[in-house]
Protein backbone atom coordinates (compact mmCIF):
# COMPACT_ATOMS: atom_id res chain seq x y z
CA MET A 1 0.00 0.00 0.00
CA VAL A 2 1.25 3.48 -0.90
CA LEU A 3 2.24 5.58 2.11
CA MET A 4 2.64 9.34 1.68
CA ILE A 5 4.06 11.48 4.48
CA CYS A 6 2.61 15.01 4.56
CA PRO A 7 4.09 17.29 7.25
CA SER A 8 1.60 19.83 8.60
CA LEU A 9 3.69 22.97 8.54
CA MET A 10 1.33 24.70 10.95
CA CYS A 11 3.25 22.68 13.57
CA ALA A 12 6.73 23.66 12.35
CA ASP A 13 9.13 26.16 13.94
CA PHE A 14 8.10 29.41 12.25
CA GLY A 15 11.30 31.11 13.33
CA ASN A 16 13.22 28.67 11.11
CA LEU A 17 10.62 27.76 8.50
CA GLU A 18 12.98 27.57 5.54
CA GLN A 19 15.36 25.27 7.43
CA GLU A 20 12.44 23.14 8.64
CA VAL A 21 11.27 22.62 5.05
CA LYS A 22 14.77 21.69 3.90
CA LEU A 23 15.16 19.16 6.70
CA LEU A 24 11.74 17.64 6.06
CA GLU A 25 12.36 17.39 2.32
CA ALA A 26 15.73 15.69 2.87
CA ALA A 27 14.06 13.33 5.35
CA GLY A 28 11.72 11.98 2.68
CA SER A 29 8.50 13.98 2.99
CA ASP A 30 6.14 13.58 0.05
CA ILE A 31 3.72 16.51 0.25
CA PHE A 32 3.93 19.69 2.32
CA HIS A 33 0.60 20.54 3.93
CA VAL A 34 -0.37 24.19 4.44
CA ASP A 35 -3.47 25.14 6.44
CA ILE A 36 -5.31 28.31 5.46
CA MET A 37 -8.06 29.43 7.88
CA ASP A 38 -10.32 32.47 7.92
CA GLY A 39 -11.54 32.49 11.52
CA ARG A 40 -15.08 31.88 10.31
CA PHE A 41 -15.42 28.37 8.87
CA VAL A 42 -13.12 27.28 11.72
CA PRO A 43 -12.53 29.33 14.89
CA ASN A 44 -8.86 29.95 14.25
CA PHE A 45 -6.47 31.61 11.81
CA GLY A 46 -3.97 29.53 9.89
CA MET A 47 -0.68 30.17 8.17
CA GLY A 48 0.13 33.45 6.47
CA LEU A 49 0.67 34.03 2.78
CA GLN A 50 4.30 34.92 3.43
CA ASP A 51 4.73 31.50 5.06
CA PHE A 52 3.33 29.85 1.95
CA ASP A 53 5.76 31.81 -0.23
CA VAL A 54 8.73 30.65 1.87
CA ILE A 55 7.61 27.02 1.63
CA ARG A 56 6.97 27.17 -2.11
CA LYS A 57 10.33 28.69 -2.97
CA THR A 58 12.23 26.30 -0.67
CA THR A 59 10.96 22.93 -1.90
CA THR A 60 10.50 21.17 -5.21
CA LYS A 61 8.11 18.67 -3.59
CA LEU A 62 4.35 18.93 -3.90
CA VAL A 63 2.72 21.62 -1.75
CA ASP A 64 -0.97 21.49 -0.91
CA VAL A 65 -3.26 24.11 0.58
CA HIS A 66 -6.11 23.10 2.87
CA LEU A 67 -8.68 25.87 2.53
CA MET A 68 -10.64 25.93 5.77
CA ILE A 69 -12.47 29.02 4.60
CA GLU A 70 -15.91 30.09 3.47
CA GLN A 71 -16.59 30.28 -0.28
CA PRO A 72 -13.26 28.64 -1.20
CA GLY A 73 -14.01 28.79 -4.91
CA ASP A 74 -13.29 32.51 -4.83
CA TYR A 75 -9.65 31.79 -3.91
CA VAL A 76 -8.74 28.89 -6.17
CA ALA A 77 -7.03 31.04 -8.79
CA PHE A 78 -5.14 32.98 -6.13
CA PHE A 79 -3.54 29.91 -4.55
CA ALA A 80 -3.06 28.14 -7.87
CA ASP A 81 -1.12 31.13 -9.18
CA LYS A 82 0.93 31.19 -5.98
CA GLY A 83 2.14 27.69 -6.78
CA ALA A 84 -0.07 25.27 -4.86
CA ASP A 85 0.03 21.83 -6.49
CA ILE A 86 -3.04 20.43 -4.72
CA ILE A 87 -6.01 22.46 -3.50
CA TYR A 88 -8.30 21.04 -0.83
CA PHE A 89 -11.59 22.68 0.03
CA HIS A 90 -14.50 21.78 2.27
CA PRO A 91 -17.80 21.10 0.46
CA GLU A 92 -19.46 22.02 3.77
CA ALA A 93 -18.28 25.60 3.18
CA ASP A 94 -19.08 25.80 -0.54
CA THR A 95 -22.43 26.50 -2.16
CA HIS A 96 -21.31 25.07 -5.51
CA PRO A 97 -18.59 22.44 -4.96
CA THR A 98 -18.66 21.11 -8.52
CA ARG A 99 -17.95 24.63 -9.78
CA THR A 100 -14.95 24.85 -7.46
CA ILE A 101 -13.71 21.47 -8.66
CA ASP A 102 -13.93 22.75 -12.23
CA LYS A 103 -11.95 25.87 -11.30
CA ILE A 104 -9.16 23.74 -9.85
CA ARG A 105 -9.17 21.53 -12.96
CA GLN A 106 -8.91 24.57 -15.21
CA LYS A 107 -5.79 25.58 -13.32
CA LYS A 108 -4.39 22.07 -13.87
CA LYS A 109 -3.96 21.45 -10.16
CA GLY A 110 -4.73 18.40 -8.05
CA VAL A 111 -8.34 18.45 -6.86
CA GLY A 112 -8.90 17.66 -3.21
CA ILE A 113 -11.88 17.80 -0.92
CA ALA A 114 -11.68 17.64 2.86
CA ILE A 115 -14.58 16.51 5.01
CA ASN A 116 -15.20 17.04 8.70
CA PRO A 117 -15.58 14.09 11.09
CA GLY A 118 -19.35 14.59 11.25
CA THR A 119 -19.88 14.80 7.48
CA SER A 120 -21.55 11.73 6.01
CA ILE A 121 -20.09 9.93 3.01
CA GLU A 122 -23.45 10.36 1.29
CA VAL A 123 -23.10 14.15 1.40
CA VAL A 124 -20.06 14.01 -0.89
CA ARG A 125 -20.62 10.73 -2.75
CA GLU A 126 -21.37 12.44 -6.09
CA LEU A 127 -18.08 14.34 -5.86
CA LEU A 128 -15.85 11.32 -5.36
CA PRO A 129 -15.46 10.39 -9.07
CA LEU A 130 -14.38 13.99 -9.78
CA ILE A 131 -11.45 14.36 -7.39
CA ASP A 132 -7.83 13.31 -6.99
CA TYR A 133 -7.60 13.41 -3.18
CA LEU A 134 -10.11 12.89 -0.38
CA MET A 135 -8.87 14.07 2.99
CA VAL A 136 -10.90 12.87 5.96
CA MET A 137 -10.50 14.95 9.09
CA THR A 138 -9.98 12.72 12.11
CA VAL A 139 -10.34 15.67 14.50
CA ASN A 140 -12.57 18.71 14.31
CA PRO A 141 -10.65 21.13 12.07
CA GLY A 142 -8.95 24.28 13.26
CA PHE A 143 -6.54 23.33 16.04
CA ALA A 144 -3.53 21.07 16.53
CA GLY A 145 -3.16 18.84 19.56
CA GLN A 146 -6.60 17.22 19.59
CA SER A 147 -7.44 13.52 20.10
CA TYR A 148 -8.25 11.12 17.27
CA LEU A 149 -11.99 10.51 16.87
CA ALA A 150 -12.37 6.74 16.79
CA SER A 151 -15.71 6.89 14.96
CA VAL A 152 -13.90 8.02 11.80
CA THR A 153 -12.14 4.67 11.37
CA ASP A 154 -15.33 2.96 10.18
CA LYS A 155 -15.91 5.80 7.72
CA LEU A 156 -12.44 5.23 6.27
CA ARG A 157 -13.12 1.51 5.94
CA ARG A 158 -16.39 2.18 4.11
CA LEU A 159 -14.76 4.74 1.82
CA THR A 160 -12.17 2.19 0.77
CA GLU A 161 -14.91 -0.34 -0.01
CA ILE A 162 -16.87 2.21 -2.08
CA LYS A 163 -13.72 3.32 -3.90
CA HIS A 164 -12.90 -0.23 -4.97
CA GLN A 165 -16.51 -1.04 -5.90
CA HIS A 166 -16.57 1.86 -8.38
CA ASN A 167 -12.90 1.77 -9.43
CA TRP A 168 -12.50 5.38 -8.36
CA THR A 169 -8.93 6.64 -8.32
CA PHE A 170 -8.79 9.29 -5.61
CA HIS A 171 -6.10 9.01 -2.94
CA LEU A 172 -7.52 8.57 0.56
CA MET A 173 -5.82 10.87 3.09
CA VAL A 174 -6.26 11.60 6.80
CA ASP A 175 -5.50 14.67 8.90
CA GLY A 176 -5.60 15.01 12.67
CA ALA A 177 -3.90 13.35 15.66
CA ILE A 178 -2.18 10.74 13.50
CA SER A 179 0.19 8.69 15.63
CA GLU A 180 2.58 6.00 14.48
CA GLU A 181 0.09 3.42 15.74
CA LYS A 182 -2.68 4.97 13.66
CA ILE A 183 -0.54 4.77 10.53
CA ARG A 184 -0.01 1.06 11.17
CA GLU A 185 -3.75 0.61 11.64
CA LEU A 186 -5.06 2.77 8.81
CA ASN A 187 -2.62 2.14 5.97
CA PRO A 188 -3.70 -1.52 5.56
CA LEU A 189 -7.32 -0.27 5.49
CA GLY A 190 -6.58 1.77 2.37
CA VAL A 191 -5.42 5.14 3.70
CA GLU A 192 -2.50 6.31 1.56
CA GLY A 193 -1.62 9.77 2.83
CA PHE A 194 -1.03 10.96 6.39
CA VAL A 195 -0.87 14.60 7.46
CA LEU A 196 1.47 14.58 10.44
CA GLY A 197 1.77 17.10 13.24
CA THR A 198 2.73 17.02 16.90
CA SER A 199 1.47 13.46 17.48
CA THR A 200 4.24 11.92 15.39
CA LEU A 201 6.62 14.31 13.65
CA PHE A 202 7.11 17.69 15.31
CA ASN A 203 8.54 18.34 18.79
CA GLN A 204 9.86 14.80 19.03
CA ALA A 205 13.20 13.64 20.43
CA GLU A 206 14.19 12.01 17.14
CA ALA A 207 15.29 13.75 13.96
CA TYR A 208 12.79 14.06 11.11
CA ALA A 209 14.81 11.65 8.97
CA GLU A 210 14.72 8.94 11.64
CA ILE A 211 10.98 9.25 12.13
CA ILE A 212 10.04 9.31 8.45
CA GLN A 213 12.41 6.46 7.58
CA ARG A 214 10.85 4.30 10.28
CA LEU A 215 7.30 5.16 9.19
CA LYS A 216 8.01 4.28 5.59
CA LYS A 217 9.46 0.93 6.55
């Protein structure tokens, strides 16, 4: 099973962001994950545009943006032109999600949707054939340091079954309180990508390279 490591740069040392990105890239990271929040869809504010610029110019790896904002379709072109490779948005915050998907496609970027823990599969089922990435939140979005919501595991299992039944090709991703134990549990269930924060990658005693090498083995 494919295993993609996606550092959540909201958890990085902002005083040394460029060095953090270099270390994480050398350690074997696959996709850099950038959270953008508006203080309305989620009760917090995420990373700044200057932070995104530093990340984009420092790495040649894929960079995604997770738009935890209202009316995300209005900002697709902005982040695409800034150099985002993958754009995630929340259908819960979008009046016309298929229009937003089309905007991302027109910019030739990876199409991702993110869904909250309480969002039913049925709410987004019609979107699943249209996307490249489905990111399931395993905590309520907006803050680092939360606990994994165990009820999401069954949703991930059902999503894998539906994906195989229809031969859909989206990558199944998770974000929120992902520990090493959760990676061992969820990867065999069909989860390919793991957004990692303080539970596994940041503020640990080991170097990034040691952690990522062990996870990938």
